[in-house]
Amino acid sequence: HGNDHQISYNEFDHVVTDMSDMGAIYMGRDPSETGNQFNYNFFHDIKNFHIGGHGVQGVFFDDYSVTGAEMIGNVFYRAGSTGCIKFNGGGACDIKNNIFADCVKPLKDAKDNTKPVYAWMETPLGQERLRERVDITQPPYSTKYPRLLAIYNHEEPVITTAERSYVINGDLSEFVDAENLDFNLKSTSSVYEEIPGFEPIPFDKMGLYEDAWRKNVPARTGNTPLKQPLPFNQKEALK
């Protein structure tokens, strides 16, 4: 929860495997929580093994999150059982210059969610979170987050697209060593020509590193074999 968080240069893998309706990064249900940056992270081997439920994702924006985050320069590899980045009725996030490799789909439910967001903002819960707990129509909110105010005033749509991103399935030959989880693009990669404006991603800076406190960094593990799905009854699981 909150505003203006910066979550960058991390590695998220083998998490939420026994969950459903969840993401490695999860936020939502309060559009006033905005200005967050999730940049230059490596998401891989994220999948749940249950039958049924809503699946898991690398990043999940739940219930009418808008302008929730900027996501630039992330690498997603097998990251999500139903999608890498999911929206449940929200959007208007800045998603640019990412890599999606061997993923089910880059974005899930990132359709035009303008009407449902407009309607939700007028509900009692929406008014409580946008006008009572804080007031997004007045400074400092209105000056710090003008895009949120424009959406609240029905002046801007709620649409999200994955701009200037490299999406590939199967043929991972553009990467230095995808089999060993090195997703640096080769110096000879044609991606920079095929996607105008695509910028190099600092993949080597993502994840753990050696310093005065951590003398050794464990090798990355990936390519997790699919386990037999477990029977899953959401109602029973929530007891």
C-alpha atoms as a PDB file:
ATOM      1  CA  HIS A   1       0.000   0.000   0.000  1.00  0.00           C
ATOM      2  CA  GLY A   2       1.057   3.580  -0.505  1.00  0.00           C
ATOM      3  CA  ASN A   3       2.502   6.047  -2.969  1.00  0.00           C
ATOM      4  CA  ASP A   4       5.782   6.727  -4.743  1.00  0.00           C
ATOM      5  CA  HIS A   5       7.391   3.377  -3.961  1.00  0.00           C
ATOM      6  CA  GLN A   6      10.384   2.392  -6.075  1.00  0.00           C
ATOM      7  CA  ILE A   7      10.909  -1.353  -6.517  1.00  0.00           C
ATOM      8  CA  SER A   8      13.800  -1.846  -8.918  1.00  0.00           C
ATOM      9  CA  TYR A   9      16.675  -4.220  -9.778  1.00  0.00           C
ATOM     10  CA  ASN A  10      15.129  -7.208  -8.004  1.00  0.00           C
ATOM     11  CA  GLU A  11      14.592 -10.826  -8.968  1.00  0.00           C
ATOM     12  CA  PHE A  12      11.237 -12.475  -8.258  1.00  0.00           C
ATOM     13  CA  ASP A  13      10.984 -16.220  -8.869  1.00  0.00           C
ATOM     14  CA  HIS A  14       9.278 -19.377  -7.577  1.00  0.00           C
ATOM     15  CA  VAL A  15       6.793 -17.398  -5.483  1.00  0.00           C
ATOM     16  CA  VAL A  16       2.994 -17.655  -4.918  1.00  0.00           C
ATOM     17  CA  THR A  17       3.106 -21.240  -6.208  1.00  0.00           C
ATOM     18  CA  ASP A  18       0.448 -22.336  -3.724  1.00  0.00           C
ATOM     19  CA  MET A  19      -1.748 -19.263  -4.102  1.00  0.00           C
ATOM     20  CA  SER A  20      -4.483 -18.073  -6.420  1.00  0.00           C
ATOM     21  CA  ASP A  21      -5.657 -14.571  -7.339  1.00  0.00           C
ATOM     22  CA  MET A  22      -2.273 -13.120  -6.381  1.00  0.00           C
ATOM     23  CA  GLY A  23       0.946 -11.673  -7.843  1.00  0.00           C
ATOM     24  CA  ALA A  24       4.591 -11.435  -6.872  1.00  0.00           C
ATOM     25  CA  ILE A  25       3.793  -7.720  -6.614  1.00  0.00           C
ATOM     26  CA  TYR A  26       0.194  -7.015  -5.661  1.00  0.00           C
ATOM     27  CA  MET A  27      -1.680  -3.814  -4.973  1.00  0.00           C
ATOM     28  CA  GLY A  28      -5.127  -2.381  -5.496  1.00  0.00           C
ATOM     29  CA  ARG A  29      -8.556  -1.303  -4.328  1.00  0.00           C
ATOM     30  CA  ASP A  30      -7.402   2.262  -3.755  1.00  0.00           C
ATOM     31  CA  PRO A  31      -6.704   4.454  -6.820  1.00  0.00           C
ATOM     32  CA  SER A  32      -5.200   7.165  -4.573  1.00  0.00           C
ATOM     33  CA  GLU A  33      -2.164   4.877  -4.162  1.00  0.00           C
ATOM     34  CA  THR A  34      -0.240   6.004  -7.205  1.00  0.00           C
ATOM     35  CA  GLY A  35       3.134   7.253  -8.405  1.00  0.00           C
ATOM     36  CA  ASN A  36       4.823   3.860  -7.898  1.00  0.00           C
ATOM     37  CA  GLN A  37       7.706   2.634 -10.052  1.00  0.00           C
ATOM     38  CA  PHE A  38       8.410  -1.052 -10.737  1.00  0.00           C
ATOM     39  CA  ASN A  39      11.386  -0.817 -13.087  1.00  0.00           C
ATOM     40  CA  TYR A  40      14.272  -3.124 -14.113  1.00  0.00           C
ATOM     41  CA  ASN A  41      13.138  -6.273 -12.330  1.00  0.00           C
ATOM     42  CA  PHE A  42      13.461  -9.903 -13.423  1.00  0.00           C
ATOM     43  CA  PHE A  43      10.302 -12.000 -12.970  1.00  0.00           C
ATOM     44  CA  HIS A  44      10.598 -15.695 -13.807  1.00  0.00           C
ATOM     45  CA  ASP A  45       9.184 -19.129 -13.000  1.00  0.00           C
ATOM     46  CA  ILE A  46       6.021 -17.785 -11.416  1.00  0.00           C
ATOM     47  CA  LYS A  47       3.109 -20.196 -11.651  1.00  0.00           C
ATOM     48  CA  ASN A  48       0.601 -21.796  -9.366  1.00  0.00           C
ATOM     49  CA  PHE A  49      -0.127 -25.490  -9.492  1.00  0.00           C
ATOM     50  CA  HIS A  50      -3.800 -25.594  -8.521  1.00  0.00           C
ATOM     51  CA  ILE A  51      -6.790 -26.547 -10.613  1.00  0.00           C
ATOM     52  CA  GLY A  52      -9.247 -23.658 -10.649  1.00  0.00           C
ATOM     53  CA  GLY A  53      -8.988 -20.200  -9.138  1.00  0.00           C
ATOM     54  CA  HIS A  54      -7.779 -17.067 -10.918  1.00  0.00           C
ATOM     55  CA  GLY A  55      -4.123 -17.972 -11.288  1.00  0.00           C
ATOM     56  CA  VAL A  56      -1.102 -15.853 -10.374  1.00  0.00           C
ATOM     57  CA  GLN A  57       0.885 -13.137 -12.141  1.00  0.00           C
ATOM     58  CA  GLY A  58       4.157 -11.282 -11.925  1.00  0.00           C
ATOM     59  CA  VAL A  59       2.311  -8.039 -11.118  1.00  0.00           C
ATOM     60  CA  PHE A  60      -1.377  -7.838 -10.211  1.00  0.00           C
ATOM     61  CA  PHE A  61      -3.326  -4.571  -9.944  1.00  0.00           C
ATOM     62  CA  ASP A  62      -6.570  -5.504  -8.257  1.00  0.00           C
ATOM     63  CA  ASP A  63      -9.949  -3.769  -8.262  1.00  0.00           C
ATOM     64  CA  TYR A  64      -9.834  -0.439 -10.080  1.00  0.00           C
ATOM     65  CA  SER A  65      -6.231   0.585  -9.563  1.00  0.00           C
ATOM     66  CA  VAL A  66      -5.434   3.452 -11.927  1.00  0.00           C
ATOM     67  CA  THR A  67      -2.174   5.202 -12.759  1.00  0.00           C
ATOM     68  CA  GLY A  68      -0.860   2.673 -10.270  1.00  0.00           C
ATOM     69  CA  ALA A  69       2.660   2.283 -11.574  1.00  0.00           C
ATOM     70  CA  GLU A  70       5.327   2.839 -14.136  1.00  0.00           C
ATOM     71  CA  MET A  71       6.878  -0.407 -15.423  1.00  0.00           C
ATOM     72  CA  ILE A  72       9.950   0.070 -17.588  1.00  0.00           C
ATOM     73  CA  GLY A  73      12.802  -2.275 -18.482  1.00  0.00           C
ATOM     74  CA  ASN A  74      11.502  -5.406 -16.753  1.00  0.00           C
ATOM     75  CA  VAL A  75      12.174  -8.935 -17.984  1.00  0.00           C
ATOM     76  CA  PHE A  76       9.369 -11.501 -17.680  1.00  0.00           C
ATOM     77  CA  TYR A  77      10.172 -15.163 -18.372  1.00  0.00           C
ATOM     78  CA  ARG A  78       7.511 -17.789 -17.694  1.00  0.00           C
ATOM     79  CA  ALA A  79       6.112 -15.241 -15.278  1.00  0.00           C
ATOM     80  CA  GLY A  80       2.479 -15.932 -14.507  1.00  0.00           C
ATOM     81  CA  SER A  81       0.008 -18.744 -14.978  1.00  0.00           C
ATOM     82  CA  THR A  82      -2.552 -16.472 -16.695  1.00  0.00           C
ATOM     83  CA  GLY A  83      -0.475 -13.426 -17.645  1.00  0.00           C
ATOM     84  CA  CYS A  84       2.505 -11.326 -16.588  1.00  0.00           C
ATOM     85  CA  ILE A  85       0.661  -8.156 -15.601  1.00  0.00           C
ATOM     86  CA  LYS A  86      -3.019  -8.300 -14.695  1.00  0.00           C
ATOM     87  CA  PHE A  87      -5.615  -5.597 -14.203  1.00  0.00           C
ATOM     88  CA  ASN A  88      -8.960  -6.180 -12.557  1.00  0.00           C
ATOM     89  CA  GLY A  89     -10.992  -3.245 -13.778  1.00  0.00           C
ATOM     90  CA  GLY A  90      -8.250  -0.595 -13.824  1.00  0.00           C
ATOM     91  CA  GLY A  91      -5.217   0.503 -15.788  1.00  0.00           C
ATOM     92  CA  ALA A  92      -3.695   3.682 -17.227  1.00  0.00           C
ATOM     93  CA  CYS A  93      -0.222   2.482 -16.227  1.00  0.00           C
ATOM     94  CA  ASP A  94       2.951   3.253 -18.173  1.00  0.00           C
ATOM     95  CA  ILE A  95       4.304  -0.090 -19.433  1.00  0.00           C
ATOM     96  CA  LYS A  96       7.258   0.388 -21.787  1.00  0.00           C
ATOM     97  CA  ASN A  97      10.454  -1.240 -22.996  1.00  0.00           C
ATOM     98  CA  ASN A  98       9.894  -4.610 -21.317  1.00  0.00           C
ATOM     99  CA  ILE A  99      10.757  -8.142 -22.417  1.00  0.00           C
ATOM    100  CA  PHE A 100       8.151 -10.932 -22.300  1.00  0.00           C
ATOM    101  CA  ALA A 101       9.677 -14.339 -23.085  1.00  0.00           C
ATOM    102  CA  ASP A 102       7.785 -17.661 -23.078  1.00  0.00           C
ATOM    103  CA  CYS A 103       4.866 -16.100 -21.214  1.00  0.00           C
ATOM    104  CA  VAL A 104       1.168 -16.926 -21.459  1.00  0.00           C
ATOM    105  CA  LYS A 105       0.461 -13.297 -22.342  1.00  0.00           C
ATOM    106  CA  PRO A 106       2.047  -9.960 -21.422  1.00  0.00           C
ATOM    107  CA  LEU A 107      -1.105  -8.202 -20.200  1.00  0.00           C
ATOM    108  CA  LYS A 108      -4.304  -9.715 -18.861  1.00  0.00           C
ATOM    109  CA  ASP A 109      -7.584  -7.780 -18.826  1.00  0.00           C
ATOM    110  CA  ALA A 110      -5.858  -4.527 -19.807  1.00  0.00           C
ATOM    111  CA  LYS A 111      -8.824  -3.565 -21.929  1.00  0.00           C
ATOM    112  CA  ASP A 112     -10.598  -0.226 -22.000  1.00  0.00           C
ATOM    113  CA  ASN A 113     -11.714  -0.072 -18.370  1.00  0.00           C
ATOM    114  CA  THR A 114     -12.830   3.566 -18.499  1.00  0.00           C
ATOM    115  CA  LYS A 115     -16.524   3.069 -17.739  1.00  0.00           C
ATOM    116  CA  PRO A 116     -16.151   0.676 -14.783  1.00  0.00           C
ATOM    117  CA  VAL A 117     -13.473   2.890 -13.201  1.00  0.00           C
ATOM    118  CA  TYR A 118     -15.617   6.010 -13.614  1.00  0.00           C
ATOM    119  CA  ALA A 119     -18.541   4.170 -12.008  1.00  0.00           C
ATOM    120  CA  TRP A 120     -16.474   2.744  -9.131  1.00  0.00           C
ATOM    121  CA  MET A 121     -15.086   6.174  -8.228  1.00  0.00           C
ATOM    122  CA  GLU A 122     -18.631   7.352  -7.548  1.00  0.00           C
ATOM    123  CA  THR A 123     -19.459   4.492  -5.165  1.00  0.00           C
ATOM    124  CA  PRO A 124     -19.391   5.093  -1.395  1.00  0.00           C
ATOM    125  CA  LEU A 125     -16.099   3.183  -1.118  1.00  0.00           C
ATOM    126  CA  GLY A 126     -14.606   5.125  -4.005  1.00  0.00           C
ATOM    127  CA  GLN A 127     -15.628   8.449  -2.464  1.00  0.00           C
ATOM    128  CA  GLU A 128     -14.241   7.401   0.907  1.00  0.00           C
ATOM    129  CA  ARG A 129     -10.829   6.541  -0.520  1.00  0.00           C
ATOM    130  CA  LEU A 130     -10.553   9.412  -3.006  1.00  0.00           C
ATOM    131  CA  ARG A 131     -12.257  12.294  -1.185  1.00  0.00           C
ATOM    132  CA  GLU A 132     -12.380  11.503   2.554  1.00  0.00           C
ATOM    133  CA  ARG A 133      -9.206   9.628   3.532  1.00  0.00           C
ATOM    134  CA  VAL A 134      -7.356  11.906   1.156  1.00  0.00           C
ATOM    135  CA  ASP A 135      -8.749  14.460  -1.298  1.00  0.00           C
ATOM    136  CA  ILE A 136      -7.318  13.893  -4.754  1.00  0.00           C
ATOM    137  CA  THR A 137      -9.059  17.057  -6.030  1.00  0.00           C
ATOM    138  CA  GLN A 138      -6.946  19.329  -3.819  1.00  0.00           C
ATOM    139  CA  PRO A 139      -3.201  19.953  -3.408  1.00  0.00           C
ATOM    140  CA  PRO A 140      -0.894  18.204  -2.828  1.00  0.00           C
ATOM    141  CA  TYR A 141      -2.697  15.333  -4.611  1.00  0.00           C
ATOM    142  CA  SER A 142      -4.112  17.390  -7.485  1.00  0.00           C
ATOM    143  CA  THR A 143      -0.727  18.925  -8.284  1.00  0.00           C
ATOM    144  CA  LYS A 144       1.355  15.768  -7.727  1.00  0.00           C
ATOM    145  CA  TYR A 145      -0.977  13.405  -9.622  1.00  0.00           C
ATOM    146  CA  PRO A 146      -2.797  15.403 -12.323  1.00  0.00           C
ATOM    147  CA  ARG A 147      -3.477  12.285 -14.395  1.00  0.00           C
ATOM    148  CA  LEU A 148      -5.425  10.712 -11.538  1.00  0.00           C
ATOM    149  CA  LEU A 149      -7.477  13.888 -11.191  1.00  0.00           C
ATOM    150  CA  ALA A 150      -8.165  13.915 -14.939  1.00  0.00           C
ATOM    151  CA  ILE A 151      -9.523  10.363 -14.723  1.00  0.00           C
ATOM    152  CA  TYR A 152     -11.631  11.278 -11.705  1.00  0.00           C
ATOM    153  CA  ASN A 153     -13.065  14.218 -13.682  1.00  0.00           C
ATOM    154  CA  HIS A 154     -13.823  11.912 -16.654  1.00  0.00           C
ATOM    155  CA  GLU A 155     -11.299  13.776 -18.792  1.00  0.00           C
ATOM    156  CA  GLU A 156      -8.976  10.852 -19.571  1.00  0.00           C
ATOM    157  CA  PRO A 157      -9.641   7.210 -20.453  1.00  0.00           C
ATOM    158  CA  VAL A 158      -8.363   4.201 -18.503  1.00  0.00           C
ATOM    159  CA  ILE A 159      -6.471   2.157 -21.103  1.00  0.00           C
ATOM    160  CA  THR A 160      -3.160   0.292 -20.798  1.00  0.00           C
ATOM    161  CA  THR A 161      -0.894  -1.059 -23.529  1.00  0.00           C
ATOM    162  CA  ALA A 162       2.566  -2.634 -23.514  1.00  0.00           C
ATOM    163  CA  GLU A 163       4.450  -0.101 -25.605  1.00  0.00           C
ATOM    164  CA  ARG A 164       7.813  -0.662 -27.252  1.00  0.00           C
ATOM    165  CA  SER A 165       8.165  -4.162 -25.776  1.00  0.00           C
ATOM    166  CA  TYR A 166       9.739  -7.363 -27.089  1.00  0.00           C
ATOM    167  CA  VAL A 167       7.373 -10.354 -26.949  1.00  0.00           C
ATOM    168  CA  ILE A 168       8.763 -13.745 -27.969  1.00  0.00           C
ATOM    169  CA  ASN A 169       7.804 -17.380 -27.465  1.00  0.00           C
ATOM    170  CA  GLY A 170       9.888 -20.409 -28.357  1.00  0.00           C
ATOM    171  CA  ASP A 171      12.810 -18.856 -30.222  1.00  0.00           C
ATOM    172  CA  LEU A 172      15.023 -17.297 -27.543  1.00  0.00           C
ATOM    173  CA  SER A 173      18.084 -16.990 -29.784  1.00  0.00           C
ATOM    174  CA  GLU A 174      18.216 -13.204 -29.450  1.00  0.00           C
ATOM    175  CA  PHE A 175      19.394 -13.592 -25.841  1.00  0.00           C
ATOM    176  CA  VAL A 176      22.932 -14.318 -24.665  1.00  0.00           C
ATOM    177  CA  ASP A 177      22.051 -17.553 -22.814  1.00  0.00           C
ATOM    178  CA  ALA A 178      18.358 -17.949 -22.059  1.00  0.00           C
ATOM    179  CA  GLU A 179      18.815 -21.591 -21.071  1.00  0.00           C
ATOM    180  CA  ASN A 180      20.908 -20.416 -18.113  1.00  0.00           C
ATOM    181  CA  LEU A 181      18.677 -17.408 -17.440  1.00  0.00           C
ATOM    182  CA  ASP A 182      20.905 -14.767 -19.031  1.00  0.00           C
ATOM    183  CA  PHE A 183      18.412 -12.514 -20.779  1.00  0.00           C
ATOM    184  CA  ASN A 184      20.830  -9.887 -21.972  1.00  0.00           C
ATOM    185  CA  LEU A 185      20.147  -9.239 -25.623  1.00  0.00           C
ATOM    186  CA  LYS A 186      23.061 -10.119 -27.888  1.00  0.00           C
ATOM    187  CA  SER A 187      25.031  -7.224 -29.314  1.00  0.00           C
ATOM    188  CA  THR A 188      23.906  -8.440 -32.751  1.00  0.00           C
ATOM    189  CA  SER A 189      20.231  -8.608 -31.760  1.00  0.00           C
ATOM    190  CA  SER A 190      17.783  -7.372 -34.374  1.00  0.00           C
ATOM    191  CA  VAL A 191      15.342  -6.289 -31.644  1.00  0.00           C
ATOM    192  CA  TYR A 192      16.717  -2.758 -31.637  1.00  0.00           C
ATOM    193  CA  GLU A 193      15.900  -2.439 -35.333  1.00  0.00           C
ATOM    194  CA  GLU A 194      12.558  -4.223 -35.207  1.00  0.00           C
ATOM    195  CA  ILE A 195      11.258  -2.154 -32.277  1.00  0.00           C
ATOM    196  CA  PRO A 196      12.045   1.539 -32.888  1.00  0.00           C
ATOM    197  CA  GLY A 197      13.164   3.228 -29.706  1.00  0.00           C
ATOM    198  CA  PHE A 198      13.754   0.015 -27.755  1.00  0.00           C
ATOM    199  CA  GLU A 199      16.501   0.732 -25.222  1.00  0.00           C
ATOM    200  CA  PRO A 200      19.049  -1.663 -23.685  1.00  0.00           C
ATOM    201  CA  ILE A 201      17.898  -3.213 -20.396  1.00  0.00           C
ATOM    202  CA  PRO A 202      20.494  -3.419 -17.560  1.00  0.00           C
ATOM    203  CA  PHE A 203      19.825  -7.108 -16.929  1.00  0.00           C
ATOM    204  CA  ASP A 204      23.141  -7.715 -15.121  1.00  0.00           C
ATOM    205  CA  LYS A 205      22.101  -5.303 -12.373  1.00  0.00           C
ATOM    206  CA  MET A 206      18.982  -7.267 -11.468  1.00  0.00           C
ATOM    207  CA  GLY A 207      18.942  -9.493  -8.412  1.00  0.00           C
ATOM    208  CA  LEU A 208      21.473 -10.291  -5.690  1.00  0.00           C
ATOM    209  CA  TYR A 209      25.047  -9.050  -5.920  1.00  0.00           C
ATOM    210  CA  GLU A 210      28.243  -9.545  -3.979  1.00  0.00           C
ATOM    211  CA  ASP A 211      29.273  -6.852  -1.507  1.00  0.00           C
ATOM    212  CA  ALA A 212      30.809  -6.507   1.944  1.00  0.00           C
ATOM    213  CA  TRP A 213      27.869  -8.359   3.522  1.00  0.00           C
ATOM    214  CA  ARG A 214      27.099 -10.958   0.837  1.00  0.00           C
ATOM    215  CA  LYS A 215      30.248 -12.737  -0.252  1.00  0.00           C
ATOM    216  CA  ASN A 216      28.607 -15.317  -2.501  1.00  0.00           C
ATOM    217  CA  VAL A 217      25.570 -15.149  -4.761  1.00  0.00           C
ATOM    218  CA  PRO A 218      23.729 -18.429  -5.408  1.00  0.00           C
ATOM    219  CA  ALA A 219      23.208 -19.502  -8.985  1.00  0.00           C
ATOM    220  CA  ARG A 220      19.850 -18.739 -10.526  1.00  0.00           C
ATOM    221  CA  THR A 221      17.432 -21.619 -10.873  1.00  0.00           C
ATOM    222  CA  GLY A 222      14.723 -21.833 -13.449  1.00  0.00           C
ATOM    223  CA  ASN A 223      12.912 -23.947 -15.984  1.00  0.00           C
ATOM    224  CA  THR A 224      10.874 -25.501 -13.189  1.00  0.00           C
ATOM    225  CA  PRO A 225       9.135 -28.667 -14.423  1.00  0.00           C
ATOM    226  CA  LEU A 226       5.377 -28.533 -14.135  1.00  0.00           C
ATOM    227  CA  LYS A 227       4.115 -30.419 -11.133  1.00  0.00           C
ATOM    228  CA  GLN A 228       0.884 -32.342 -11.188  1.00  0.00           C
ATOM    229  CA  PRO A 229      -1.880 -29.770 -10.523  1.00  0.00           C
ATOM    230  CA  LEU A 230      -3.419 -30.139  -7.105  1.00  0.00           C
ATOM    231  CA  PRO A 231      -7.200 -30.318  -6.738  1.00  0.00           C
ATOM    232  CA  PHE A 232      -8.213 -26.877  -5.548  1.00  0.00           C
ATOM    233  CA  ASN A 233     -11.450 -25.793  -3.945  1.00  0.00           C
ATOM    234  CA  GLN A 234     -11.329 -22.076  -3.232  1.00  0.00           C
ATOM    235  CA  LYS A 235     -14.214 -22.153  -0.769  1.00  0.00           C
ATOM    236  CA  GLU A 236     -12.541 -24.900   1.261  1.00  0.00           C
ATOM    237  CA  ALA A 237      -9.159 -23.170   1.121  1.00  0.00           C
ATOM    238  CA  LEU A 238     -10.600 -19.997   2.625  1.00  0.00           C
ATOM    239  CA  LYS A 239     -12.081 -21.708   5.700  1.00  0.00           C
END
